[in-house]
C-alpha atoms as a PDB file:
ATOM      1  CA  MET A   1      -9.448 -82.063  73.545  1.00  0.00           C
ATOM      2  CA  SER A   2     -12.635 -80.742  75.037  1.00  0.00           C
ATOM      3  CA  LEU A   3     -14.178 -77.786  74.483  1.00  0.00           C
ATOM      4  CA  ALA A   4     -13.324 -76.822  78.467  1.00  0.00           C
ATOM      5  CA  GLU A   5      -9.751 -78.362  78.181  1.00  0.00           C
ATOM      6  CA  PHE A   6      -9.224 -75.937  74.977  1.00  0.00           C
ATOM      7  CA  PHE A   7     -10.119 -72.506  76.691  1.00  0.00           C
ATOM      8  CA  GLU A   8      -7.899 -73.744  79.736  1.00  0.00           C
ATOM      9  CA  GLU A   9      -4.369 -74.358  77.503  1.00  0.00           C
ATOM     10  CA  CYS A  10      -5.049 -71.545  74.772  1.00  0.00           C
ATOM     11  CA  PRO A  11      -5.160 -68.742  77.234  1.00  0.00           C
ATOM     12  CA  ASP A  12      -4.307 -66.147  74.313  1.00  0.00           C
ATOM     13  CA  VAL A  13      -7.730 -66.386  72.535  1.00  0.00           C
ATOM     14  CA  ARG A  14      -9.718 -63.895  73.068  1.00  0.00           C
ATOM     15  CA  TYR A  15     -11.657 -63.968  69.569  1.00  0.00           C
ATOM     16  CA  ILE A  16     -14.347 -66.948  68.974  1.00  0.00           C
ATOM     17  CA  MET A  17     -16.455 -67.627  66.285  1.00  0.00           C
ATOM     18  CA  TYR A  18     -18.857 -70.607  65.429  1.00  0.00           C
ATOM     19  CA  GLY A  19     -19.521 -70.967  61.708  1.00  0.00           C
ATOM     20  CA  GLY A  20     -21.577 -73.153  59.749  1.00  0.00           C
ATOM     21  CA  LYS A  21     -24.746 -73.422  57.702  1.00  0.00           C
ATOM     22  CA  GLY A  22     -27.536 -71.631  59.004  1.00  0.00           C
ATOM     23  CA  GLY A  23     -30.007 -73.451  61.577  1.00  0.00           C
ATOM     24  CA  LEU A  24     -27.381 -75.959  62.909  1.00  0.00           C
ATOM     25  CA  GLY A  25     -27.016 -73.787  66.653  1.00  0.00           C
ATOM     26  CA  LYS A  26     -24.422 -71.254  65.882  1.00  0.00           C
ATOM     27  CA  THR A  27     -26.167 -68.698  67.859  1.00  0.00           C
ATOM     28  CA  THR A  28     -26.922 -71.252  70.892  1.00  0.00           C
ATOM     29  CA  PHE A  29     -23.532 -72.003  70.803  1.00  0.00           C
ATOM     30  CA  SER A  30     -21.988 -68.754  70.893  1.00  0.00           C
ATOM     31  CA  ALA A  31     -24.613 -67.413  74.115  1.00  0.00           C
ATOM     32  CA  ALA A  32     -23.611 -71.007  75.844  1.00  0.00           C
ATOM     33  CA  THR A  33     -19.934 -70.655  75.432  1.00  0.00           C
ATOM     34  CA  ALA A  34     -20.433 -66.281  76.603  1.00  0.00           C
ATOM     35  CA  TYR A  35     -22.048 -67.590  79.276  1.00  0.00           C
ATOM     36  CA  TYR A  36     -19.546 -70.183  80.470  1.00  0.00           C
ATOM     37  CA  LEU A  37     -16.562 -67.664  80.101  1.00  0.00           C
ATOM     38  CA  ALA A  38     -18.641 -65.197  81.775  1.00  0.00           C
ATOM     39  CA  LYS A  39     -19.572 -67.521  85.067  1.00  0.00           C
ATOM     40  CA  LYS A  40     -15.883 -68.420  84.696  1.00  0.00           C
ATOM     41  CA  GLY A  41     -15.104 -64.489  85.868  1.00  0.00           C
ATOM     42  CA  HIS A  42     -14.319 -63.405  82.385  1.00  0.00           C
ATOM     43  CA  ARG A  43     -15.674 -59.980  80.596  1.00  0.00           C
ATOM     44  CA  VAL A  44     -17.421 -61.213  77.794  1.00  0.00           C
ATOM     45  CA  LEU A  45     -19.245 -59.688  75.214  1.00  0.00           C
ATOM     46  CA  VAL A  46     -21.076 -61.724  72.413  1.00  0.00           C
ATOM     47  CA  PHE A  47     -22.488 -60.007  69.260  1.00  0.00           C
ATOM     48  CA  SER A  48     -23.846 -61.141  65.963  1.00  0.00           C
ATOM     49  CA  VAL A  49     -22.903 -60.489  62.473  1.00  0.00           C
ATOM     50  CA  ASP A  50     -25.862 -62.140  60.869  1.00  0.00           C
ATOM     51  CA  PRO A  51     -28.782 -59.656  59.784  1.00  0.00           C
ATOM     52  CA  GLN A  52     -31.134 -61.799  60.498  1.00  0.00           C
ATOM     53  CA  ALA A  53     -29.616 -62.148  64.007  1.00  0.00           C
ATOM     54  CA  SER A  54     -31.486 -64.264  66.974  1.00  0.00           C
ATOM     55  CA  LEU A  55     -29.630 -63.136  69.698  1.00  0.00           C
ATOM     56  CA  SER A  56     -32.830 -61.383  71.574  1.00  0.00           C
ATOM     57  CA  ASP A  57     -34.761 -64.358  71.138  1.00  0.00           C
ATOM     58  CA  ILE A  58     -32.167 -66.471  72.762  1.00  0.00           C
ATOM     59  CA  PHE A  59     -31.362 -64.074  75.967  1.00  0.00           C
ATOM     60  CA  GLU A  60     -35.138 -63.218  76.083  1.00  0.00           C
ATOM     61  CA  ARG A  61     -34.266 -59.574  76.026  1.00  0.00           C
ATOM     62  CA  ASN A  62     -34.391 -56.439  73.547  1.00  0.00           C
ATOM     63  CA  ILE A  63     -31.020 -56.009  72.697  1.00  0.00           C
ATOM     64  CA  PHE A  64     -31.485 -54.879  68.976  1.00  0.00           C
ATOM     65  CA  GLY A  65     -29.799 -51.706  68.048  1.00  0.00           C
ATOM     66  CA  GLN A  66     -29.661 -50.833  71.995  1.00  0.00           C
ATOM     67  CA  GLY A  67     -25.750 -51.441  72.292  1.00  0.00           C
ATOM     68  CA  GLU A  68     -23.894 -53.602  74.696  1.00  0.00           C
ATOM     69  CA  VAL A  69     -26.217 -54.646  77.158  1.00  0.00           C
ATOM     70  CA  GLU A  70     -25.502 -56.446  79.998  1.00  0.00           C
ATOM     71  CA  ILE A  71     -27.171 -59.682  80.397  1.00  0.00           C
ATOM     72  CA  MET A  72     -25.747 -60.991  83.895  1.00  0.00           C
ATOM     73  CA  PRO A  73     -22.655 -59.717  85.420  1.00  0.00           C
ATOM     74  CA  ASN A  74     -19.432 -60.490  82.977  1.00  0.00           C
ATOM     75  CA  LEU A  75     -21.991 -60.827  79.806  1.00  0.00           C
ATOM     76  CA  TYR A  76     -22.789 -58.591  77.546  1.00  0.00           C
ATOM     77  CA  ALA A  77     -24.916 -58.581  74.180  1.00  0.00           C
ATOM     78  CA  CYS A  78     -25.298 -57.051  71.222  1.00  0.00           C
ATOM     79  CA  GLU A  79     -27.335 -56.604  67.922  1.00  0.00           C
ATOM     80  CA  ILE A  80     -26.060 -54.353  65.358  1.00  0.00           C
ATOM     81  CA  ASP A  81     -29.037 -52.218  64.065  1.00  0.00           C
ATOM     82  CA  ALA A  82     -28.163 -52.505  60.522  1.00  0.00           C
ATOM     83  CA  ASP A  83     -29.784 -49.893  59.174  1.00  0.00           C
ATOM     84  CA  ARG A  84     -29.152 -46.909  61.349  1.00  0.00           C
ATOM     85  CA  ARG A  85     -25.492 -47.701  60.672  1.00  0.00           C
ATOM     86  CA  ILE A  86     -25.553 -47.465  56.758  1.00  0.00           C
ATOM     87  CA  LYS A  87     -27.537 -43.865  57.440  1.00  0.00           C
ATOM     88  CA  GLU A  88     -24.652 -42.706  59.747  1.00  0.00           C
ATOM     89  CA  TYR A  89     -22.093 -44.255  57.304  1.00  0.00           C
ATOM     90  CA  GLN A  90     -23.872 -42.496  54.424  1.00  0.00           C
ATOM     91  CA  ASP A  91     -24.084 -39.253  56.505  1.00  0.00           C
ATOM     92  CA  GLU A  92     -19.906 -39.628  56.935  1.00  0.00           C
ATOM     93  CA  ILE A  93     -19.340 -40.159  53.221  1.00  0.00           C
ATOM     94  CA  ARG A  94     -21.672 -37.134  52.480  1.00  0.00           C
ATOM     95  CA  GLN A  95     -19.762 -35.171  54.501  1.00  0.00           C
ATOM     96  CA  LYS A  96     -16.063 -36.302  53.396  1.00  0.00           C
ATOM     97  CA  ILE A  97     -16.923 -35.823  49.938  1.00  0.00           C
ATOM     98  CA  ARG A  98     -17.798 -31.814  51.094  1.00  0.00           C
ATOM     99  CA  ASP A  99     -14.917 -31.391  52.491  1.00  0.00           C
ATOM    100  CA  MET A 100     -12.445 -33.037  49.900  1.00  0.00           C
ATOM    101  CA  TYR A 101     -14.068 -31.083  46.997  1.00  0.00           C
ATOM    102  CA  GLY A 102     -15.441 -27.769  48.683  1.00  0.00           C
ATOM    103  CA  PHE A 103     -19.288 -28.745  47.901  1.00  0.00           C
ATOM    104  CA  GLU A 104     -22.371 -27.387  49.738  1.00  0.00           C
ATOM    105  CA  GLU A 105     -24.178 -30.101  48.819  1.00  0.00           C
ATOM    106  CA  VAL A 106     -23.299 -33.840  47.441  1.00  0.00           C
ATOM    107  CA  PRO A 107     -24.196 -33.932  44.090  1.00  0.00           C
ATOM    108  CA  GLY A 108     -27.440 -35.375  42.439  1.00  0.00           C
ATOM    109  CA  GLU A 109     -26.072 -38.272  40.629  1.00  0.00           C
ATOM    110  CA  ILE A 110     -23.665 -39.330  43.886  1.00  0.00           C
ATOM    111  CA  GLU A 111     -26.889 -38.788  46.066  1.00  0.00           C
ATOM    112  CA  ASN A 112     -28.949 -41.236  43.813  1.00  0.00           C
ATOM    113  CA  TYR A 113     -25.693 -43.822  43.469  1.00  0.00           C
ATOM    114  CA  MET A 114     -25.595 -44.046  47.567  1.00  0.00           C
ATOM    115  CA  GLN A 115     -29.210 -44.562  47.578  1.00  0.00           C
ATOM    116  CA  ALA A 116     -29.384 -47.609  45.183  1.00  0.00           C
ATOM    117  CA  ALA A 117     -26.674 -48.950  47.099  1.00  0.00           C
ATOM    118  CA  SER A 118     -27.970 -48.539  50.430  1.00  0.00           C
ATOM    119  CA  ALA A 119     -30.773 -51.042  49.274  1.00  0.00           C
ATOM    120  CA  GLU A 120     -28.152 -53.634  48.198  1.00  0.00           C
ATOM    121  CA  PRO A 121     -28.092 -56.624  50.915  1.00  0.00           C
ATOM    122  CA  ALA A 122     -24.167 -56.459  51.219  1.00  0.00           C
ATOM    123  CA  MET A 123     -24.394 -52.762  52.149  1.00  0.00           C
ATOM    124  CA  GLU A 124     -26.519 -54.086  55.102  1.00  0.00           C
ATOM    125  CA  GLU A 125     -23.700 -56.894  56.022  1.00  0.00           C
ATOM    126  CA  SER A 126     -21.082 -54.564  55.195  1.00  0.00           C
ATOM    127  CA  ALA A 127     -22.732 -52.234  58.038  1.00  0.00           C
ATOM    128  CA  ILE A 128     -22.787 -54.769  60.761  1.00  0.00           C
ATOM    129  CA  PHE A 129     -18.903 -55.703  59.548  1.00  0.00           C
ATOM    130  CA  ASP A 130     -17.881 -52.001  59.909  1.00  0.00           C
ATOM    131  CA  GLU A 131     -19.521 -51.772  63.345  1.00  0.00           C
ATOM    132  CA  VAL A 132     -17.959 -54.987  64.556  1.00  0.00           C
ATOM    133  CA  VAL A 133     -13.993 -53.531  64.011  1.00  0.00           C
ATOM    134  CA  ASN A 134     -15.809 -50.476  65.748  1.00  0.00           C
ATOM    135  CA  ILE A 135     -16.620 -52.323  68.806  1.00  0.00           C
ATOM    136  CA  VAL A 136     -13.337 -54.749  69.018  1.00  0.00           C
ATOM    137  CA  VAL A 137     -11.281 -52.243  68.633  1.00  0.00           C
ATOM    138  CA  LYS A 138     -12.626 -50.211  71.207  1.00  0.00           C
ATOM    139  CA  GLY A 139     -11.449 -52.948  73.072  1.00  0.00           C
ATOM    140  CA  GLY A 140     -12.823 -53.327  76.972  1.00  0.00           C
ATOM    141  CA  TYR A 141     -13.657 -57.152  76.642  1.00  0.00           C
ATOM    142  CA  ASP A 142     -11.914 -60.168  77.079  1.00  0.00           C
ATOM    143  CA  TYR A 143     -13.497 -62.463  75.059  1.00  0.00           C
ATOM    144  CA  TYR A 144     -15.109 -61.390  72.032  1.00  0.00           C
ATOM    145  CA  ILE A 145     -17.915 -64.216  70.345  1.00  0.00           C
ATOM    146  CA  TYR A 146     -19.079 -63.282  67.022  1.00  0.00           C
ATOM    147  CA  ASP A 147     -22.343 -65.358  66.099  1.00  0.00           C
ATOM    148  CA  LEU A 148     -21.260 -65.506  62.467  1.00  0.00           C
ATOM    149  CA  VAL A 149     -23.248 -65.237  59.129  1.00  0.00           C
ATOM    150  CA  PRO A 150     -23.621 -68.543  57.074  1.00  0.00           C
ATOM    151  CA  LEU A 151     -20.750 -70.364  55.576  1.00  0.00           C
ATOM    152  CA  GLY A 152     -20.941 -68.530  51.857  1.00  0.00           C
ATOM    153  CA  HIS A 153     -21.107 -64.797  53.523  1.00  0.00           C
ATOM    154  CA  ALA A 154     -18.163 -65.107  55.810  1.00  0.00           C
ATOM    155  CA  LEU A 155     -16.030 -66.674  52.460  1.00  0.00           C
ATOM    156  CA  TYR A 156     -17.308 -63.703  50.782  1.00  0.00           C
ATOM    157  CA  TYR A 157     -15.785 -61.253  53.681  1.00  0.00           C
ATOM    158  CA  LEU A 158     -12.546 -62.744  53.580  1.00  0.00           C
ATOM    159  CA  SER A 159     -12.329 -63.106  49.897  1.00  0.00           C
ATOM    160  CA  MET A 160     -13.482 -59.484  49.591  1.00  0.00           C
ATOM    161  CA  ALA A 161     -10.806 -58.484  52.275  1.00  0.00           C
ATOM    162  CA  SER A 162      -7.832 -59.303  49.903  1.00  0.00           C
ATOM    163  CA  VAL A 163      -9.448 -57.995  46.775  1.00  0.00           C
ATOM    164  CA  TYR A 164      -9.986 -54.638  48.572  1.00  0.00           C
ATOM    165  CA  ASP A 165      -6.562 -54.644  50.418  1.00  0.00           C
ATOM    166  CA  GLN A 166      -5.014 -55.396  46.821  1.00  0.00           C
ATOM    167  CA  TRP A 167      -6.979 -52.746  45.177  1.00  0.00           C
ATOM    168  CA  ILE A 168      -6.457 -50.068  47.680  1.00  0.00           C
ATOM    169  CA  THR A 169      -2.794 -50.836  47.495  1.00  0.00           C
ATOM    170  CA  LYS A 170      -2.865 -50.255  43.871  1.00  0.00           C
ATOM    171  CA  ILE A 171      -4.813 -46.827  44.379  1.00  0.00           C
ATOM    172  CA  THR A 172      -2.635 -45.869  47.320  1.00  0.00           C
ATOM    173  CA  ARG A 173       0.304 -46.446  45.623  1.00  0.00           C
ATOM    174  CA  LEU A 174      -0.751 -44.305  42.486  1.00  0.00           C
ATOM    175  CA  ARG A 175      -1.958 -41.426  44.569  1.00  0.00           C
ATOM    176  CA  GLU A 176       1.413 -41.558  46.378  1.00  0.00           C
ATOM    177  CA  GLN A 177       3.331 -41.127  42.954  1.00  0.00           C
ATOM    178  CA  MET A 178       1.031 -38.260  42.025  1.00  0.00           C
ATOM    179  CA  ARG A 179       1.500 -36.491  45.497  1.00  0.00           C
ATOM    180  CA  GLU A 180       5.629 -36.796  44.837  1.00  0.00           C
ATOM    181  CA  TYR A 181       5.103 -35.294  41.629  1.00  0.00           C
ATOM    182  CA  ASP A 182       2.705 -32.360  43.254  1.00  0.00           C
ATOM    183  CA  GLN A 183       5.674 -31.941  45.443  1.00  0.00           C
ATOM    184  CA  VAL A 184       8.164 -31.414  43.008  1.00  0.00           C
ATOM    185  CA  MET A 185       6.345 -29.224  40.815  1.00  0.00           C
ATOM    186  CA  ALA A 186       5.740 -27.185  44.060  1.00  0.00           C
ATOM    187  CA  THR A 187       9.304 -26.850  44.825  1.00  0.00           C
ATOM    188  CA  VAL A 188      10.412 -25.898  41.127  1.00  0.00           C
ATOM    189  CA  ARG A 189       7.687 -23.348  41.313  1.00  0.00           C
ATOM    190  CA  ARG A 190       8.866 -22.201  44.933  1.00  0.00           C
ATOM    191  CA  GLU A 191       5.245 -22.448  45.750  1.00  0.00           C
ATOM    192  CA  LYS A 192       3.889 -23.165  49.253  1.00  0.00           C
ATOM    193  CA  GLU A 193       4.309 -27.014  50.148  1.00  0.00           C
ATOM    194  CA  VAL A 194       1.227 -29.251  48.672  1.00  0.00           C
ATOM    195  CA  GLN A 195      -1.654 -29.466  51.284  1.00  0.00           C
ATOM    196  CA  GLU A 196      -1.821 -32.932  53.063  1.00  0.00           C
ATOM    197  CA  ASP A 197      -3.724 -35.384  50.816  1.00  0.00           C
ATOM    198  CA  GLN A 198      -7.187 -35.947  51.942  1.00  0.00           C
ATOM    199  CA  ILE A 199      -8.000 -38.751  49.682  1.00  0.00           C
ATOM    200  CA  LEU A 200      -5.061 -40.666  50.217  1.00  0.00           C
ATOM    201  CA  ASN A 201      -5.684 -40.237  54.277  1.00  0.00           C
ATOM    202  CA  GLU A 202      -9.118 -41.755  53.542  1.00  0.00           C
ATOM    203  CA  LEU A 203      -7.403 -44.500  51.606  1.00  0.00           C
ATOM    204  CA  GLU A 204      -5.090 -45.249  53.829  1.00  0.00           C
ATOM    205  CA  TYR A 205      -7.859 -45.071  56.937  1.00  0.00           C
ATOM    206  CA  ILE A 206     -10.066 -47.956  54.996  1.00  0.00           C
ATOM    207  CA  LYS A 207      -7.519 -50.279  54.334  1.00  0.00           C
ATOM    208  CA  GLY A 208      -6.170 -49.787  58.000  1.00  0.00           C
ATOM    209  CA  ARG A 209     -10.034 -51.034  58.735  1.00  0.00           C
ATOM    210  CA  ILE A 210     -10.291 -53.763  55.954  1.00  0.00           C
ATOM    211  CA  ASN A 211      -6.969 -55.247  57.555  1.00  0.00           C
ATOM    212  CA  ALA A 212      -7.911 -55.108  61.170  1.00  0.00           C
ATOM    213  CA  SER A 213     -11.078 -57.296  60.358  1.00  0.00           C
ATOM    214  CA  SER A 214      -9.643 -59.648  58.435  1.00  0.00           C
ATOM    215  CA  GLY A 215      -6.610 -60.143  60.867  1.00  0.00           C
ATOM    216  CA  ILE A 216      -9.041 -60.600  63.502  1.00  0.00           C
ATOM    217  CA  LEU A 217     -10.460 -63.833  61.316  1.00  0.00           C
ATOM    218  CA  THR A 218      -6.855 -65.097  60.677  1.00  0.00           C
ATOM    219  CA  ASP A 219      -5.035 -64.473  63.656  1.00  0.00           C
ATOM    220  CA  ALA A 220      -3.748 -67.915  64.688  1.00  0.00           C
ATOM    221  CA  ARG A 221      -2.906 -66.801  68.181  1.00  0.00           C
ATOM    222  CA  LYS A 222      -5.774 -65.089  69.414  1.00  0.00           C
ATOM    223  CA  THR A 223      -8.742 -66.712  67.118  1.00  0.00           C
ATOM    224  CA  ALA A 224     -10.728 -69.879  67.771  1.00  0.00           C
ATOM    225  CA  PHE A 225     -13.119 -70.657  64.792  1.00  0.00           C
ATOM    226  CA  PHE A 226     -15.448 -73.565  65.383  1.00  0.00           C
ATOM    227  CA  PHE A 227     -17.493 -75.183  62.756  1.00  0.00           C
ATOM    228  CA  VAL A 228     -21.007 -76.511  63.848  1.00  0.00           C
ATOM    229  CA  LEU A 229     -22.545 -79.396  62.140  1.00  0.00           C
ATOM    230  CA  THR A 230     -25.224 -82.526  62.631  1.00  0.00           C
ATOM    231  CA  PRO A 231     -24.729 -86.103  62.109  1.00  0.00           C
ATOM    232  CA  GLU A 232     -26.753 -85.586  58.283  1.00  0.00           C
ATOM    233  CA  GLU A 233     -24.941 -86.495  55.416  1.00  0.00           C
ATOM    234  CA  MET A 234     -25.300 -83.303  53.327  1.00  0.00           C
ATOM    235  CA  ILE A 235     -24.174 -81.238  56.312  1.00  0.00           C
ATOM    236  CA  ILE A 236     -21.105 -83.119  56.700  1.00  0.00           C
ATOM    237  CA  LEU A 237     -20.186 -83.015  52.888  1.00  0.00           C
ATOM    238  CA  ASP A 238     -21.040 -79.148  53.150  1.00  0.00           C
ATOM    239  CA  THR A 239     -18.615 -78.583  56.061  1.00  0.00           C
ATOM    240  CA  LYS A 240     -15.606 -80.707  54.530  1.00  0.00           C
ATOM    241  CA  LYS A 241     -15.866 -77.989  51.420  1.00  0.00           C
ATOM    242  CA  ALA A 242     -15.897 -75.103  53.888  1.00  0.00           C
ATOM    243  CA  ALA A 243     -13.068 -76.469  55.968  1.00  0.00           C
ATOM    244  CA  ASP A 244     -10.701 -76.809  52.751  1.00  0.00           C
ATOM    245  CA  MET A 245     -12.277 -73.175  51.717  1.00  0.00           C
ATOM    246  CA  PHE A 246     -11.418 -71.413  54.892  1.00  0.00           C
ATOM    247  CA  ALA A 247      -8.084 -73.009  54.909  1.00  0.00           C
ATOM    248  CA  LYS A 248      -7.292 -71.331  52.239  1.00  0.00           C
ATOM    249  CA  PHE A 249      -7.824 -68.201  53.416  1.00  0.00           C
ATOM    250  CA  SER A 250      -5.620 -68.844  56.598  1.00  0.00           C
ATOM    251  CA  VAL A 251      -8.541 -69.362  59.425  1.00  0.00           C
ATOM    252  CA  PRO A 252      -7.313 -71.088  62.321  1.00  0.00           C
ATOM    253  CA  ILE A 253      -9.949 -73.590  62.697  1.00  0.00           C
ATOM    254  CA  ARG A 254      -9.319 -75.184  66.067  1.00  0.00           C
ATOM    255  CA  GLY A 255     -12.340 -77.689  66.044  1.00  0.00           C
ATOM    256  CA  TYR A 256     -15.880 -79.171  65.340  1.00  0.00           C
ATOM    257  CA  ILE A 257     -18.467 -79.293  67.210  1.00  0.00           C
ATOM    258  CA  VAL A 258     -21.432 -81.958  66.689  1.00  0.00           C
ATOM    259  CA  ASN A 259     -24.915 -80.594  67.810  1.00  0.00           C
ATOM    260  CA  ARG A 260     -28.361 -82.331  68.240  1.00  0.00           C
ATOM    261  CA  VAL A 261     -26.927 -86.003  68.690  1.00  0.00           C
ATOM    262  CA  VAL A 262     -29.802 -88.303  70.090  1.00  0.00           C
ATOM    263  CA  PRO A 263     -28.682 -90.217  73.266  1.00  0.00           C
ATOM    264  CA  ARG A 264     -27.950 -93.985  72.042  1.00  0.00           C
ATOM    265  CA  GLU A 265     -29.168 -95.296  75.732  1.00  0.00           C
ATOM    266  CA  LEU A 266     -32.622 -94.372  74.428  1.00  0.00           C
ATOM    267  CA  LEU A 267     -32.211 -97.769  72.420  1.00  0.00           C
ATOM    268  CA  ASP A 268     -32.746 -99.313  75.574  1.00  0.00           C
ATOM    269  CA  GLU A 269     -36.009 -97.838  76.066  1.00  0.00           C
ATOM    270  CA  LYS A 270     -39.439 -98.632  74.454  1.00  0.00           C
ATOM    271  CA  ILE A 271     -39.467 -95.553  71.578  1.00  0.00           C
ATOM    272  CA  PRO A 272     -40.985 -95.150  68.640  1.00  0.00           C
ATOM    273  CA  ASP A 273     -39.786 -96.541  65.156  1.00  0.00           C
ATOM    274  CA  TYR A 274     -39.095 -93.017  63.419  1.00  0.00           C
ATOM    275  CA  LEU A 275     -36.708 -92.347  66.997  1.00  0.00           C
ATOM    276  CA  ARG A 276     -34.896 -95.737  66.540  1.00  0.00           C
ATOM    277  CA  ASN A 277     -34.047 -95.699  62.916  1.00  0.00           C
ATOM    278  CA  ARG A 278     -32.904 -92.123  63.583  1.00  0.00           C
ATOM    279  CA  ILE A 279     -30.288 -93.112  66.055  1.00  0.00           C
ATOM    280  CA  ASN A 280     -28.901 -95.945  63.704  1.00  0.00           C
ATOM    281  CA  MET A 281     -28.588 -93.818  60.873  1.00  0.00           C
ATOM    282  CA  GLN A 282     -27.081 -91.370  63.161  1.00  0.00           C
ATOM    283  CA  LYS A 283     -24.387 -93.736  64.269  1.00  0.00           C
ATOM    284  CA  GLY A 284     -22.889 -94.466  60.862  1.00  0.00           C
ATOM    285  CA  PHE A 285     -23.065 -89.969  60.363  1.00  0.00           C
ATOM    286  CA  LEU A 286     -21.319 -89.962  63.785  1.00  0.00           C
ATOM    287  CA  GLU A 287     -18.328 -92.709  62.552  1.00  0.00           C
ATOM    288  CA  GLU A 288     -17.992 -90.862  59.169  1.00  0.00           C
ATOM    289  CA  ILE A 289     -17.613 -87.407  61.497  1.00  0.00           C
ATOM    290  CA  ASP A 290     -14.825 -89.155  63.286  1.00  0.00           C
ATOM    291  CA  ARG A 291     -13.319 -90.353  60.446  1.00  0.00           C
ATOM    292  CA  SER A 292     -13.202 -87.045  58.607  1.00  0.00           C
ATOM    293  CA  PHE A 293     -12.076 -84.711  61.230  1.00  0.00           C
ATOM    294  CA  GLY A 294     -10.907 -87.384  63.856  1.00  0.00           C
ATOM    295  CA  SER A 295      -9.458 -85.806  67.370  1.00  0.00           C
ATOM    296  CA  SER A 296     -10.560 -82.405  65.955  1.00  0.00           C
ATOM    297  CA  VAL A 297     -14.156 -82.920  67.062  1.00  0.00           C
ATOM    298  CA  LEU A 298     -14.458 -81.405  70.091  1.00  0.00           C
ATOM    299  CA  GLY A 299     -18.075 -82.027  71.638  1.00  0.00           C
ATOM    300  CA  ARG A 300     -21.024 -84.358  70.803  1.00  0.00           C
ATOM    301  CA  ILE A 301     -23.852 -82.079  72.205  1.00  0.00           C
ATOM    302  CA  PRO A 302     -27.305 -83.997  72.860  1.00  0.00           C
ATOM    303  CA  GLU A 303     -30.260 -83.156  71.474  1.00  0.00           C
ATOM    304  CA  LEU A 304     -32.048 -81.018  74.360  1.00  0.00           C
ATOM    305  CA  GLU A 305     -35.758 -81.071  75.165  1.00  0.00           C
ATOM    306  CA  SER A 306     -36.565 -77.693  74.003  1.00  0.00           C
ATOM    307  CA  ASP A 307     -35.697 -74.552  72.303  1.00  0.00           C
ATOM    308  CA  VAL A 308     -32.323 -72.751  74.003  1.00  0.00           C
ATOM    309  CA  ARG A 309     -34.021 -69.390  75.840  1.00  0.00           C
ATOM    310  CA  GLY A 310     -33.673 -68.234  78.660  1.00  0.00           C
ATOM    311  CA  ILE A 311     -30.729 -68.137  80.995  1.00  0.00           C
ATOM    312  CA  PRO A 312     -31.585 -71.685  82.694  1.00  0.00           C
ATOM    313  CA  MET A 313     -31.625 -73.523  79.296  1.00  0.00           C
ATOM    314  CA  ILE A 314     -28.242 -71.371  77.853  1.00  0.00           C
ATOM    315  CA  GLU A 315     -26.670 -72.955  81.243  1.00  0.00           C
ATOM    316  CA  LYS A 316     -28.187 -76.245  80.456  1.00  0.00           C
ATOM    317  CA  MET A 317     -26.497 -75.864  77.223  1.00  0.00           C
ATOM    318  CA  ALA A 318     -23.186 -74.388  78.710  1.00  0.00           C
ATOM    319  CA  ARG A 319     -23.219 -77.817  80.694  1.00  0.00           C
ATOM    320  CA  ALA A 320     -23.300 -80.012  77.808  1.00  0.00           C
ATOM    321  CA  MET A 321     -20.736 -78.212  75.729  1.00  0.00           C
ATOM    322  CA  PHE A 322     -17.953 -77.628  78.907  1.00  0.00           C
ATOM    323  CA  GLY A 323     -19.151 -80.094  81.176  1.00  0.00           C
ATOM    324  CA  GLY A 324     -19.744 -78.946  85.080  1.00  0.00           C
ATOM    325  CA  TRP A 325     -17.669 -76.529  86.382  1.00  0.00           C
END
């Protein structure tokens, strides 16, 4: 099956993710897929969940922090300003603390903790993922294409979603038991009904967002995760390990795409020895990829003559990935 055939045969897929180690072409593939689907008449949003986003470079547009920017008809792109999102999130937390406990000002020790936490790298990435949930829940697009963070970070989010969910479930259960006790005591004392539990509501809200985020990543009907790799020994080994780990989290791996393949036709021409050696070396690694992943390899993308930047090069990459259309 080719990539084009995959999208034809899987019309329910709405969330598309390209994953792999950094620098293999995930952002390029995300932009090219968005271009292809937009040209097919679908309304598409491609957005980066990588703090080191490069969609602005590829589209040659300043889209960072600008919201959902229209690149061309049907195609929109978004790079999230994590710093601004962190500030908004802190303001939300401050207001909730004031409302819950009747404080006029947030206590100094809590404020100091929030400021220290905002400097952690995980806070930046969490802010981006939180904004992604906002975007997806809002709706309005036929396809959402994630330009994912490198593999290690993606696995971190999947694992932490499970941990958070278990933790919040336990805390929520305890809180509900406390609330039931308070209601019983209020009845015995003939006091007014216990007021709405804001803390319990907040826990349920957080849990809902975590489940929404992790649920998208593991929805086998609506989500397609593609690994990007190159014909190199260490990349192949890392992809095998990552595929095993992702499978444990029930991520729907739908295929593998090999990037930067040097065309073997060049061997018939007069080329430098280093390039000839590289082509011959890739031959062995490509055979290893076929042995390891078999029919799940959905495409071999040739090395292009220049970096993919601007719509003309994005179109060229899209045609290399999906064929003529």
